[in-house]
N, C-alpha and C. Protein backbone atom coordinates (compact mmCIF):
# COMPACT_ATOMS: atom_id res chain seq x y z
N MET A 1 45.14 -258.81 170.99
CA MET A 1 46.47 -258.57 171.50
C MET A 1 46.35 -258.13 172.96
N TYR A 2 47.17 -258.73 173.80
CA TYR A 2 47.17 -258.32 175.20
C TYR A 2 47.94 -257.02 175.35
N PRO A 3 47.46 -256.11 176.19
CA PRO A 3 48.19 -254.86 176.40
C PRO A 3 49.47 -255.13 177.19
N PRO A 4 50.45 -254.23 177.10
CA PRO A 4 51.71 -254.41 177.82
C PRO A 4 51.53 -254.61 179.32
N GLU A 5 50.49 -254.03 179.89
CA GLU A 5 50.25 -254.16 181.33
C GLU A 5 50.02 -255.61 181.73
N VAL A 6 49.44 -256.40 180.83
CA VAL A 6 49.20 -257.82 181.12
C VAL A 6 50.54 -258.56 181.23
N LEU A 7 51.45 -258.29 180.30
CA LEU A 7 52.77 -258.91 180.38
C LEU A 7 53.47 -258.47 181.65
N ASP A 8 53.41 -257.20 181.96
CA ASP A 8 54.06 -256.68 183.17
C ASP A 8 53.53 -257.41 184.41
N ALA A 9 52.23 -257.62 184.49
CA ALA A 9 51.64 -258.33 185.63
C ALA A 9 52.05 -259.80 185.64
N ALA A 10 52.12 -260.42 184.47
CA ALA A 10 52.49 -261.84 184.38
C ALA A 10 53.92 -262.08 184.84
N LEU A 11 54.77 -261.08 184.69
CA LEU A 11 56.18 -261.23 185.07
C LEU A 11 56.37 -261.36 186.57
N ARG A 12 55.32 -261.17 187.34
CA ARG A 12 55.40 -261.37 188.79
C ARG A 12 55.43 -262.86 189.14
N TYR A 13 55.14 -263.70 188.17
CA TYR A 13 55.13 -265.15 188.36
C TYR A 13 56.42 -265.75 187.82
N ASP A 14 56.66 -266.99 188.14
CA ASP A 14 57.90 -267.67 187.74
C ASP A 14 57.77 -268.17 186.30
N LEU A 15 58.01 -267.30 185.33
CA LEU A 15 57.90 -267.65 183.92
C LEU A 15 59.23 -268.18 183.39
N ALA A 16 59.15 -269.08 182.43
CA ALA A 16 60.35 -269.60 181.78
C ALA A 16 60.65 -268.84 180.50
N ALA A 17 59.62 -268.30 179.86
CA ALA A 17 59.79 -267.59 178.58
C ALA A 17 58.54 -266.77 178.30
N ILE A 18 58.65 -265.89 177.32
CA ILE A 18 57.51 -265.09 176.85
C ILE A 18 57.22 -265.54 175.43
N ASN A 19 55.97 -265.89 175.16
CA ASN A 19 55.54 -266.33 173.83
C ASN A 19 54.64 -265.24 173.25
N ASP A 20 55.15 -264.50 172.28
CA ASP A 20 54.39 -263.40 171.69
C ASP A 20 53.88 -263.79 170.31
N ILE A 21 52.58 -263.87 170.15
CA ILE A 21 51.99 -264.31 168.88
C ILE A 21 51.72 -263.16 167.92
N HIS A 22 52.12 -261.94 168.31
CA HIS A 22 51.86 -260.78 167.46
C HIS A 22 53.14 -260.18 166.88
N GLY A 23 54.22 -260.94 166.92
CA GLY A 23 55.46 -260.48 166.28
C GLY A 23 56.07 -259.25 166.90
N LEU A 24 55.88 -259.07 168.21
CA LEU A 24 56.41 -257.91 168.92
C LEU A 24 56.02 -256.60 168.24
N ALA A 25 54.74 -256.50 167.88
CA ALA A 25 54.23 -255.33 167.17
C ALA A 25 54.11 -254.09 168.06
N ASP A 26 53.98 -254.28 169.37
CA ASP A 26 53.80 -253.17 170.31
C ASP A 26 55.15 -252.81 170.93
N PRO A 27 55.65 -251.59 170.70
CA PRO A 27 56.97 -251.21 171.23
C PRO A 27 57.07 -251.31 172.76
N GLU A 28 56.02 -250.97 173.47
CA GLU A 28 56.05 -251.04 174.94
C GLU A 28 56.11 -252.50 175.40
N TYR A 29 55.34 -253.37 174.76
CA TYR A 29 55.37 -254.80 175.06
C TYR A 29 56.78 -255.34 174.80
N THR A 30 57.38 -254.92 173.68
CA THR A 30 58.73 -255.35 173.33
C THR A 30 59.74 -254.89 174.37
N ARG A 31 59.62 -253.66 174.84
CA ARG A 31 60.53 -253.14 175.86
C ARG A 31 60.42 -253.94 177.15
N ILE A 32 59.19 -254.22 177.58
CA ILE A 32 58.98 -254.99 178.81
C ILE A 32 59.57 -256.39 178.65
N ALA A 33 59.34 -257.01 177.49
CA ALA A 33 59.88 -258.35 177.24
C ALA A 33 61.40 -258.32 177.28
N ALA A 34 62.01 -257.34 176.65
CA ALA A 34 63.47 -257.24 176.61
C ALA A 34 64.04 -257.00 178.01
N ASP A 35 63.40 -256.13 178.77
CA ASP A 35 63.87 -255.82 180.12
C ASP A 35 63.72 -257.00 181.08
N SER A 36 62.84 -257.94 180.75
CA SER A 36 62.61 -259.08 181.65
C SER A 36 63.80 -260.02 181.71
N GLY A 37 64.61 -260.07 180.65
CA GLY A 37 65.73 -260.99 180.60
C GLY A 37 65.34 -262.42 180.25
N LEU A 38 64.05 -262.65 180.02
CA LEU A 38 63.57 -263.98 179.66
C LEU A 38 63.75 -264.24 178.17
N PRO A 39 63.84 -265.51 177.77
CA PRO A 39 63.80 -265.82 176.35
C PRO A 39 62.44 -265.40 175.77
N VAL A 40 62.43 -264.91 174.55
CA VAL A 40 61.19 -264.50 173.89
C VAL A 40 60.99 -265.34 172.64
N ILE A 41 59.82 -265.95 172.55
CA ILE A 41 59.43 -266.71 171.36
C ILE A 41 58.51 -265.78 170.58
N CYS A 42 58.87 -265.49 169.35
CA CYS A 42 58.15 -264.52 168.55
C CYS A 42 57.58 -265.19 167.30
N MET A 43 56.28 -265.16 167.16
CA MET A 43 55.63 -265.77 166.00
C MET A 43 55.84 -264.91 164.76
N ALA A 44 56.06 -265.56 163.67
CA ALA A 44 56.15 -264.89 162.38
C ALA A 44 55.18 -265.57 161.42
N SER A 45 54.56 -264.79 160.57
CA SER A 45 53.59 -265.33 159.63
C SER A 45 53.61 -264.50 158.36
N GLU A 46 53.51 -265.17 157.23
CA GLU A 46 53.45 -264.44 155.96
C GLU A 46 52.06 -263.90 155.68
N THR A 47 51.05 -264.46 156.34
CA THR A 47 49.68 -263.97 156.18
C THR A 47 49.10 -263.64 157.54
N ALA A 48 48.17 -262.72 157.55
CA ALA A 48 47.50 -262.35 158.79
C ALA A 48 46.54 -263.46 159.19
N PRO A 49 46.35 -263.69 160.49
CA PRO A 49 45.47 -264.77 160.93
C PRO A 49 44.09 -264.79 160.29
N PRO A 50 43.38 -263.65 160.11
CA PRO A 50 42.06 -263.73 159.46
C PRO A 50 42.15 -264.30 158.04
N GLU A 51 43.20 -263.97 157.31
CA GLU A 51 43.38 -264.50 155.96
C GLU A 51 43.65 -265.98 155.98
N MET A 52 44.34 -266.46 157.00
CA MET A 52 44.66 -267.87 157.10
C MET A 52 43.39 -268.71 157.25
N SER A 53 42.40 -268.17 157.99
CA SER A 53 41.18 -268.94 158.21
C SER A 53 40.31 -269.02 156.95
N GLU A 54 40.55 -268.13 155.99
CA GLU A 54 39.78 -268.15 154.75
C GLU A 54 40.36 -269.11 153.72
N ALA A 55 41.58 -269.53 153.92
CA ALA A 55 42.27 -270.40 152.94
C ALA A 55 41.69 -271.80 152.93
């Protein structure tokens, strides 16, 4: 998982959207994403990624 500081730094560029593969699990990351005003794509999964690779 990328720390919120990485998202904050990335927002200095011309982004069209934020793609979060961790389901907005980090409250600070979520706050930064919400404050950005950009569309947010949020991954949802019924199983954790390590379990998926064992299937």
